[in-house]
Amino acid sequence: MLEIYQKTLYRQEADIWHYLRLFWLEESQLFEVRSAFCGQNAAIIGQEALIAGETKADALHRLVSALMRAGYISQPKKTKELNVVINTPGWGGFSAGAPWFDQLQSDFLYPLYAFLEETANGGNSEGVMTEDGRITHYFWVLDRESTLSKIAELAKPLEAAFNIIISTNTSIDSPMPPMLEEVNTRFAEELFAALKNSSQDLRQAIINSLPPMENSQQTYPDRLGDYIRNAPNRVWGEKAAHLREKLMTIWGIGKEYWPPTGDSAPYDIIQVANLDLATRKELIDLICSKIQGELYVFEVQDGIFLTTPDEIFKLGLDDRYVFDAGMSWMVYTYHHGITYFGGDWLTAAVRELYRDREEELNPWFRGG
């Protein structure tokens, strides 16, 4: 998928925010300048070419520096809070395992997040709260009315399936979540202290996901939302429903998490804490030799996606199940850095790799 390289700046006039976006056109090798009020689609107002010998990164820094001297800022300081509460049909498992989940994502949540990002009108502020029968998304917004109008438009066709309720708060004098240039050293030190007892791989995964540290000689492009990266790889419709059914029938995945947070898997599994990089590479090579058909990942908060071998052991904030079309094996990465392996040939391979360090297998099962 083509990388989107852009930078968005903001300026407030009275109580109204508007934005200016520098959008890189690879074919033309120049920046297109777009502008509008937040909550509206931007119109093209000009173009900016590279200076001889200049890279696009250098040009971005030059143009952004000039715009900030003219009064633009990289992040708004006043935001409005808006909570979207989605009352869902009954379901006794995690939300991504529900039969209605893909419709909610494709017809409501993806378009809403896309609207906020494309019109520079806000984004997620405090994550997502999932409860029985209810999912709440927490947003910051700059133009509330355009956001409410978009939500009403998207929610109307879904009234029979979902009851969507909006609550809003008044403006608050606090910054939106940290942007690229503004993660400071003190925050990084506090993060390292919090992670001191975590596995090295988990530490590195979180560090890699952080924005770069402040650097006055560099301007970083926008970080685009996950819907842009993930939507093209999502498995939808009958195929997704078939995979969910097989996951539930064969592996017991969809209603409960595997240990330590839920029920046991229906087959023998092996648990490894702090899976090292060398072993991870050996296992990826082995799994690649056994893959049947397409490779999938079931993310418990986001649904089913096509994936690649290099992401089998990807660590993140959410739990992930990786499997192929044959479903004879399973890799489950728990968000605390624990990896579970299922399937006769895969568990045998893991035991062989750990034959000289058996104490590292199943530490939580033993209470270690």
Protein backbone atom coordinates (compact mmCIF):
# COMPACT_ATOMS: atom_id res chain seq x y z
CA MET A 1 0.00 0.00 0.00
CA LEU A 2 1.29 3.46 -0.90
CA GLU A 3 2.70 5.32 2.08
CA ILE A 4 0.87 8.54 2.90
CA TYR A 5 3.33 11.28 3.81
CA GLN A 6 1.76 14.44 5.16
CA LYS A 7 1.88 17.05 7.90
CA THR A 8 -1.10 18.82 9.44
CA LEU A 9 -0.93 22.15 11.26
CA TYR A 10 -3.66 24.07 13.05
CA ARG A 11 -4.66 27.67 13.71
CA GLN A 12 -7.52 29.04 15.80
CA GLU A 13 -9.50 32.14 14.87
CA ALA A 14 -11.95 33.14 17.60
CA ASP A 15 -13.53 29.79 18.59
CA ILE A 16 -13.07 28.16 15.19
CA TRP A 17 -10.18 25.87 14.30
CA HIS A 18 -8.92 25.42 10.79
CA TYR A 19 -6.11 23.30 9.44
CA LEU A 20 -3.48 23.38 6.74
CA ARG A 21 -2.10 20.13 5.38
CA LEU A 22 1.07 19.51 3.39
CA PHE A 23 0.44 16.38 1.32
CA TRP A 24 3.35 14.77 -0.53
CA LEU A 25 2.77 13.77 -4.18
CA GLU A 26 5.38 11.16 -5.03
CA GLU A 27 4.84 11.24 -8.79
CA SER A 28 5.13 15.04 -8.99
CA GLN A 29 7.82 15.29 -6.27
CA LEU A 30 6.13 18.22 -4.56
CA PHE A 31 3.85 19.07 -1.66
CA GLU A 32 0.23 19.91 -2.31
CA VAL A 33 -1.09 22.50 0.16
CA ARG A 34 -4.64 21.89 1.38
CA SER A 35 -6.74 23.87 3.85
CA ALA A 36 -10.22 23.99 5.42
CA PHE A 37 -12.08 24.43 8.68
CA CYS A 38 -11.66 21.41 10.94
CA GLY A 39 -14.44 18.95 10.21
CA GLN A 40 -14.52 19.83 6.51
CA ASN A 41 -12.68 18.31 3.56
CA ALA A 42 -9.70 20.41 2.58
CA ALA A 43 -9.42 22.27 -0.71
CA ILE A 44 -6.16 22.57 -2.65
CA ILE A 45 -4.76 26.09 -2.26
CA GLY A 46 -1.29 25.69 -3.73
CA GLN A 47 1.82 23.61 -4.31
CA GLU A 48 5.36 23.71 -2.94
CA ALA A 49 8.27 22.28 -4.93
CA LEU A 50 11.59 21.03 -3.58
CA ILE A 51 14.61 23.28 -3.65
CA ALA A 52 17.50 21.85 -5.67
CA GLY A 53 19.19 19.07 -3.68
CA GLU A 54 16.49 19.03 -1.02
CA THR A 55 14.83 15.84 0.23
CA LYS A 56 11.13 15.69 1.03
CA ALA A 57 12.00 15.51 4.75
CA ASP A 58 14.11 18.67 4.46
CA ALA A 59 11.35 20.40 2.53
CA LEU A 60 8.76 19.40 5.11
CA HIS A 61 10.87 20.88 7.90
CA ARG A 62 11.43 24.09 5.93
CA LEU A 63 7.76 24.58 5.11
CA VAL A 64 6.49 23.67 8.59
CA SER A 65 9.00 25.98 10.28
CA ALA A 66 7.80 28.89 8.14
CA LEU A 67 4.15 28.12 8.84
CA MET A 68 4.73 27.90 12.59
CA ARG A 69 6.46 31.28 12.51
CA ALA A 70 3.30 32.55 10.82
CA GLY A 71 1.12 31.36 13.71
CA TYR A 72 0.28 27.73 12.98
CA ILE A 73 0.75 25.10 15.70
CA SER A 74 1.29 21.35 15.56
CA GLN A 75 -1.41 20.48 18.10
CA PRO A 76 -4.46 22.24 19.51
CA LYS A 77 -4.50 23.06 23.19
CA LYS A 78 -8.26 23.27 23.62
CA THR A 79 -10.32 20.22 22.85
CA LYS A 80 -13.85 18.97 23.37
CA GLU A 81 -14.46 15.54 24.79
CA LEU A 82 -16.98 13.28 23.08
CA ASN A 83 -17.88 9.75 24.14
CA VAL A 84 -19.51 7.35 21.70
CA VAL A 85 -21.34 4.59 23.57
CA ILE A 86 -22.37 1.65 21.37
CA ASN A 87 -24.90 -0.70 22.94
CA THR A 88 -24.40 -4.02 21.18
CA PRO A 89 -26.42 -7.25 20.84
CA GLY A 90 -25.78 -9.82 23.53
CA TRP A 91 -22.49 -11.70 23.26
CA GLY A 92 -20.67 -13.74 25.87
CA GLY A 93 -17.11 -13.31 24.60
CA PHE A 94 -14.65 -10.65 23.50
CA SER A 95 -16.15 -8.23 21.01
CA ALA A 96 -14.08 -9.17 17.93
CA GLY A 97 -15.46 -12.71 18.16
CA ALA A 98 -19.07 -11.56 17.80
CA PRO A 99 -20.97 -12.15 14.55
CA TRP A 100 -21.94 -8.46 14.37
CA PHE A 101 -18.41 -7.09 14.92
CA ASP A 102 -17.36 -6.67 11.27
CA GLN A 103 -20.50 -4.71 10.44
CA LEU A 104 -19.83 -2.35 13.34
CA GLN A 105 -16.25 -1.80 12.15
CA SER A 106 -16.96 -1.42 8.42
CA ASP A 107 -20.17 0.62 8.60
CA PHE A 108 -19.53 2.81 11.63
CA LEU A 109 -16.15 2.85 13.35
CA TYR A 110 -13.82 2.84 10.32
CA PRO A 111 -15.76 5.64 8.59
CA LEU A 112 -15.92 7.68 11.81
CA TYR A 113 -12.19 7.43 12.50
CA ALA A 114 -11.49 8.14 8.83
CA PHE A 115 -13.66 11.26 8.93
CA LEU A 116 -11.91 12.62 12.03
CA GLU A 117 -8.47 12.03 10.57
CA GLU A 118 -9.16 13.18 7.03
CA THR A 119 -10.79 16.42 8.20
CA ALA A 120 -8.25 17.04 11.01
CA ASN A 121 -11.12 17.13 13.47
CA GLY A 122 -9.89 14.90 16.31
CA GLY A 123 -9.19 11.33 17.25
CA ASN A 124 -9.19 8.80 20.05
CA SER A 125 -8.19 10.33 23.38
CA GLU A 126 -8.53 7.67 26.08
CA GLY A 127 -8.85 4.39 24.23
CA VAL A 128 -11.82 2.04 24.15
CA MET A 129 -13.80 0.55 27.04
CA THR A 130 -15.37 -2.84 26.30
CA GLU A 131 -18.04 -4.18 28.65
CA ASP A 132 -20.80 -6.77 28.33
CA GLY A 133 -23.26 -5.33 25.84
CA ARG A 134 -21.43 -2.01 25.48
CA ILE A 135 -18.40 -0.56 23.73
CA THR A 136 -17.33 3.04 24.44
CA HIS A 137 -14.90 5.01 22.26
CA TYR A 138 -13.43 8.19 23.79
CA PHE A 139 -12.62 11.05 21.39
CA TRP A 140 -11.27 14.57 21.40
CA VAL A 141 -12.83 16.79 18.72
CA LEU A 142 -12.34 20.34 17.49
CA ASP A 143 -15.65 20.92 15.72
CA ARG A 144 -18.36 19.11 17.63
CA GLU A 145 -21.25 19.83 15.29
CA SER A 146 -19.66 18.29 12.20
CA THR A 147 -18.69 15.23 14.25
CA LEU A 148 -22.21 14.80 15.64
CA SER A 149 -23.61 15.15 12.13
CA LYS A 150 -21.26 12.45 10.83
CA ILE A 151 -22.12 10.10 13.70
CA ALA A 152 -25.84 10.57 13.06
CA GLU A 153 -25.32 9.85 9.35
CA LEU A 154 -23.38 6.65 10.05
CA ALA A 155 -25.64 5.47 12.88
CA LYS A 156 -28.96 5.86 11.05
CA PRO A 157 -28.72 2.66 8.93
CA LEU A 158 -27.57 0.67 11.99
CA GLU A 159 -30.44 1.55 14.33
CA ALA A 160 -31.91 -1.95 14.18
CA ALA A 161 -28.62 -3.57 15.28
CA PHE A 162 -26.93 -1.01 17.56
CA ASN A 163 -28.11 1.70 19.92
CA ILE A 164 -25.49 4.48 19.68
CA ILE A 165 -25.49 7.20 22.34
CA ILE A 166 -23.33 10.35 22.39
CA SER A 167 -22.21 12.33 25.44
CA THR A 168 -20.15 15.50 25.24
CA ASN A 169 -18.28 17.72 27.67
CA THR A 170 -17.34 21.38 27.49
CA SER A 171 -13.99 22.63 26.24
CA ILE A 172 -11.03 21.74 28.41
CA ASP A 173 -7.71 23.55 28.61
CA SER A 174 -5.45 20.57 28.16
CA PRO A 175 -3.47 19.28 25.22
CA MET A 176 -4.61 16.41 23.09
CA PRO A 177 -2.50 13.22 23.29
CA PRO A 178 1.25 13.83 22.66
CA MET A 179 2.18 14.34 19.04
CA LEU A 180 5.38 13.40 17.27
CA GLU A 181 7.76 16.15 18.31
CA GLU A 182 6.72 16.46 21.92
CA VAL A 183 7.66 13.33 23.83
CA ASN A 184 10.24 14.62 26.29
CA THR A 185 13.08 13.00 28.15
CA ARG A 186 11.30 12.92 31.51
CA PHE A 187 8.41 10.95 30.04
CA ALA A 188 10.85 8.48 28.50
CA GLU A 189 12.64 8.03 31.84
CA GLU A 190 9.33 7.36 33.59
CA LEU A 191 8.43 4.83 30.92
CA PHE A 192 11.71 2.96 31.34
CA ALA A 193 11.16 2.87 35.09
CA ALA A 194 7.68 1.43 34.60
CA LEU A 195 9.07 -1.19 32.23
CA LYS A 196 12.04 -2.24 34.33
CA ASN A 197 10.51 -5.62 35.15
CA SER A 198 9.15 -6.28 31.64
CA SER A 199 10.72 -8.54 29.06
CA GLN A 200 13.29 -6.99 26.75
CA ASP A 201 11.17 -7.78 23.70
CA LEU A 202 8.12 -6.08 25.23
CA ARG A 203 10.21 -3.07 26.24
CA GLN A 204 11.56 -2.77 22.70
CA ALA A 205 8.11 -3.17 21.14
CA ILE A 206 6.74 -0.30 23.24
CA ILE A 207 9.79 1.88 22.67
CA ASN A 208 9.54 1.34 18.91
CA SER A 209 5.90 2.44 18.98
CA LEU A 210 6.71 5.77 20.65
CA PRO A 211 6.99 9.00 18.68
CA PRO A 212 10.57 10.26 18.15
CA MET A 213 12.09 12.54 20.74
CA GLU A 214 11.99 16.28 20.24
CA ASN A 215 14.48 17.51 17.68
CA SER A 216 14.42 21.13 16.52
CA GLN A 217 16.27 20.18 13.34
CA GLN A 218 13.62 17.72 12.18
CA THR A 219 9.90 17.76 11.48
CA TYR A 220 8.05 14.48 11.64
CA PRO A 221 5.09 13.66 9.39
CA ASP A 222 1.66 12.78 10.72
CA ARG A 223 1.11 9.39 12.29
CA LEU A 224 -1.85 8.00 10.46
CA GLY A 225 -4.53 5.99 12.20
CA ASP A 226 -4.66 2.21 12.16
CA TYR A 227 -7.70 2.15 9.89
CA ILE A 228 -5.50 3.22 6.95
CA ARG A 229 -2.97 0.44 7.51
CA ASN A 230 -5.30 -2.33 8.58
CA ALA A 231 -8.49 -1.96 6.58
CA PRO A 232 -7.11 -3.35 3.30
CA ASN A 233 -5.98 -6.53 5.10
CA ARG A 234 -9.20 -7.12 7.01
CA VAL A 235 -11.11 -10.34 6.37
CA TRP A 236 -14.81 -9.57 5.96
CA GLY A 237 -18.15 -11.22 5.38
CA GLU A 238 -18.73 -14.95 4.98
CA LYS A 239 -15.02 -15.72 5.03
CA ALA A 240 -14.57 -14.00 8.39
CA ALA A 241 -17.68 -15.72 9.77
CA HIS A 242 -16.35 -19.11 8.63
CA LEU A 243 -12.97 -18.48 10.27
CA ARG A 244 -14.61 -17.38 13.52
CA GLU A 245 -16.72 -20.54 13.56
CA LYS A 246 -13.69 -22.76 12.99
CA LEU A 247 -11.69 -20.92 15.66
CA MET A 248 -14.46 -21.51 18.15
CA THR A 249 -15.04 -25.14 17.17
CA ILE A 250 -11.40 -26.26 16.90
CA TRP A 251 -9.59 -24.02 19.38
CA GLY A 252 -12.24 -22.59 21.69
CA ILE A 253 -11.31 -19.03 20.66
CA GLY A 254 -13.95 -16.30 20.69
CA LYS A 255 -15.73 -16.68 23.99
CA GLU A 256 -12.78 -16.78 26.38
CA TYR A 257 -9.09 -15.94 26.32
CA TRP A 258 -6.54 -18.65 26.79
CA PRO A 259 -4.71 -18.79 30.16
CA PRO A 260 -4.01 -16.97 32.34
CA THR A 261 -7.11 -14.80 31.85
CA GLY A 262 -9.72 -17.32 30.77
CA ASP A 263 -10.47 -20.95 30.10
CA SER A 264 -7.87 -23.49 29.03
CA ALA A 265 -7.42 -24.30 25.36
CA PRO A 266 -9.05 -27.59 24.30
CA TYR A 267 -5.65 -29.02 23.33
CA ASP A 268 -2.25 -29.29 24.96
CA ILE A 269 -0.43 -25.98 24.77
CA ILE A 270 3.00 -24.73 25.79
CA GLN A 271 3.67 -21.38 27.37
CA VAL A 272 6.91 -19.39 27.02
CA ALA A 273 7.72 -16.15 28.81
CA ASN A 274 10.20 -13.71 27.26
CA LEU A 275 10.60 -15.52 23.94
CA ASP A 276 14.08 -14.62 22.72
CA LEU A 277 14.81 -13.35 19.21
CA ALA A 278 16.90 -16.35 18.10
CA THR A 279 14.21 -18.85 19.10
CA ARG A 280 11.58 -16.65 17.53
CA LYS A 281 13.43 -16.72 14.21
CA GLU A 282 13.79 -20.52 14.34
CA LEU A 283 10.08 -20.90 14.99
CA ILE A 284 9.13 -18.49 12.19
CA ASP A 285 11.25 -20.50 9.75
CA LEU A 286 9.62 -23.73 10.93
CA ILE A 287 6.10 -22.32 10.74
CA CYS A 288 6.77 -20.98 7.24
CA SER A 289 7.59 -24.52 6.11
CA LYS A 290 4.22 -25.72 7.43
CA ILE A 291 1.84 -22.91 6.44
CA GLN A 292 -1.28 -24.07 4.62
CA GLY A 293 -3.01 -21.42 2.54
CA GLU A 294 -3.26 -17.86 3.87
CA LEU A 295 -1.87 -16.65 7.21
CA TYR A 296 -4.24 -14.82 9.56
CA VAL A 297 -4.21 -12.95 12.83
CA PHE A 298 -7.25 -12.65 15.08
CA GLU A 299 -6.83 -9.47 17.14
CA VAL A 300 -9.23 -9.60 20.06
CA GLN A 301 -10.13 -5.90 19.85
CA ASP A 302 -10.02 -5.43 16.07
CA GLY A 303 -11.02 -8.61 14.22
CA ILE A 304 -9.39 -10.93 11.68
CA PHE A 305 -6.69 -9.79 9.26
CA LEU A 306 -4.34 -11.29 6.74
CA THR A 307 -0.80 -11.15 8.11
CA THR A 308 2.78 -12.10 7.27
CA PRO A 309 5.31 -14.46 8.92
CA ASP A 310 7.40 -11.59 10.29
CA GLU A 311 4.38 -10.49 12.39
CA ILE A 312 3.64 -13.88 13.96
CA PHE A 313 5.23 -12.84 17.27
CA LYS A 314 4.40 -9.15 17.09
CA LEU A 315 3.83 -7.72 20.56
CA GLY A 316 1.20 -5.10 21.23
CA LEU A 317 -1.30 -3.85 23.78
CA ASP A 318 -3.93 -6.38 22.70
CA ASP A 319 -3.95 -10.18 22.56
CA ARG A 320 -3.42 -11.85 19.17
CA TYR A 321 -4.00 -15.36 17.78
CA VAL A 322 -2.05 -16.29 14.62
CA PHE A 323 -3.04 -19.29 12.51
CA ASP A 324 -3.31 -20.49 8.91
CA ALA A 325 -6.14 -21.84 6.79
CA GLY A 326 -5.47 -25.39 8.00
CA MET A 327 -5.74 -24.42 11.70
CA SER A 328 -3.50 -27.31 12.79
CA TRP A 329 -1.43 -24.93 14.94
CA MET A 330 -1.87 -21.70 16.87
CA VAL A 331 0.36 -18.95 18.29
CA TYR A 332 -1.22 -16.73 20.92
CA THR A 333 0.66 -13.65 22.11
CA TYR A 334 -0.64 -12.37 25.41
CA HIS A 335 -0.18 -8.65 26.02
CA HIS A 336 2.04 -9.21 29.06
CA GLY A 337 4.73 -10.76 26.86
CA ILE A 338 3.71 -14.41 27.25
CA THR A 339 3.50 -16.60 24.13
CA TYR A 340 1.37 -19.75 23.88
CA PHE A 341 1.85 -22.49 21.29
CA GLY A 342 -0.83 -25.00 20.27
CA GLY A 343 -0.84 -27.94 17.85
CA ASP A 344 0.94 -31.32 18.04
CA TRP A 345 3.83 -30.59 15.69
CA LEU A 346 4.35 -27.04 16.98
CA THR A 347 4.36 -27.93 20.67
CA ALA A 348 6.80 -30.79 19.90
CA ALA A 349 9.07 -28.32 18.09
CA VAL A 350 8.98 -25.86 21.00
CA ARG A 351 9.83 -28.60 23.50
CA GLU A 352 12.79 -29.61 21.32
CA LEU A 353 14.08 -26.05 21.13
CA TYR A 354 13.85 -25.76 24.93
CA ARG A 355 15.17 -29.23 25.77
CA ASP A 356 18.18 -27.73 27.60
CA ARG A 357 16.17 -25.03 29.38
CA GLU A 358 12.90 -26.68 30.30
CA GLU A 359 12.57 -24.39 33.30
CA GLU A 360 11.56 -21.59 30.88
CA LEU A 361 8.47 -23.50 29.73
CA ASN A 362 5.06 -23.00 31.37
CA PRO A 363 6.26 -20.78 34.25
CA TRP A 364 2.78 -19.43 35.02
CA PHE A 365 1.23 -22.91 34.95
CA ARG A 366 3.66 -23.86 37.72
CA GLY A 367 2.92 -20.65 39.63
CA GLY A 368 6.36 -19.20 38.77
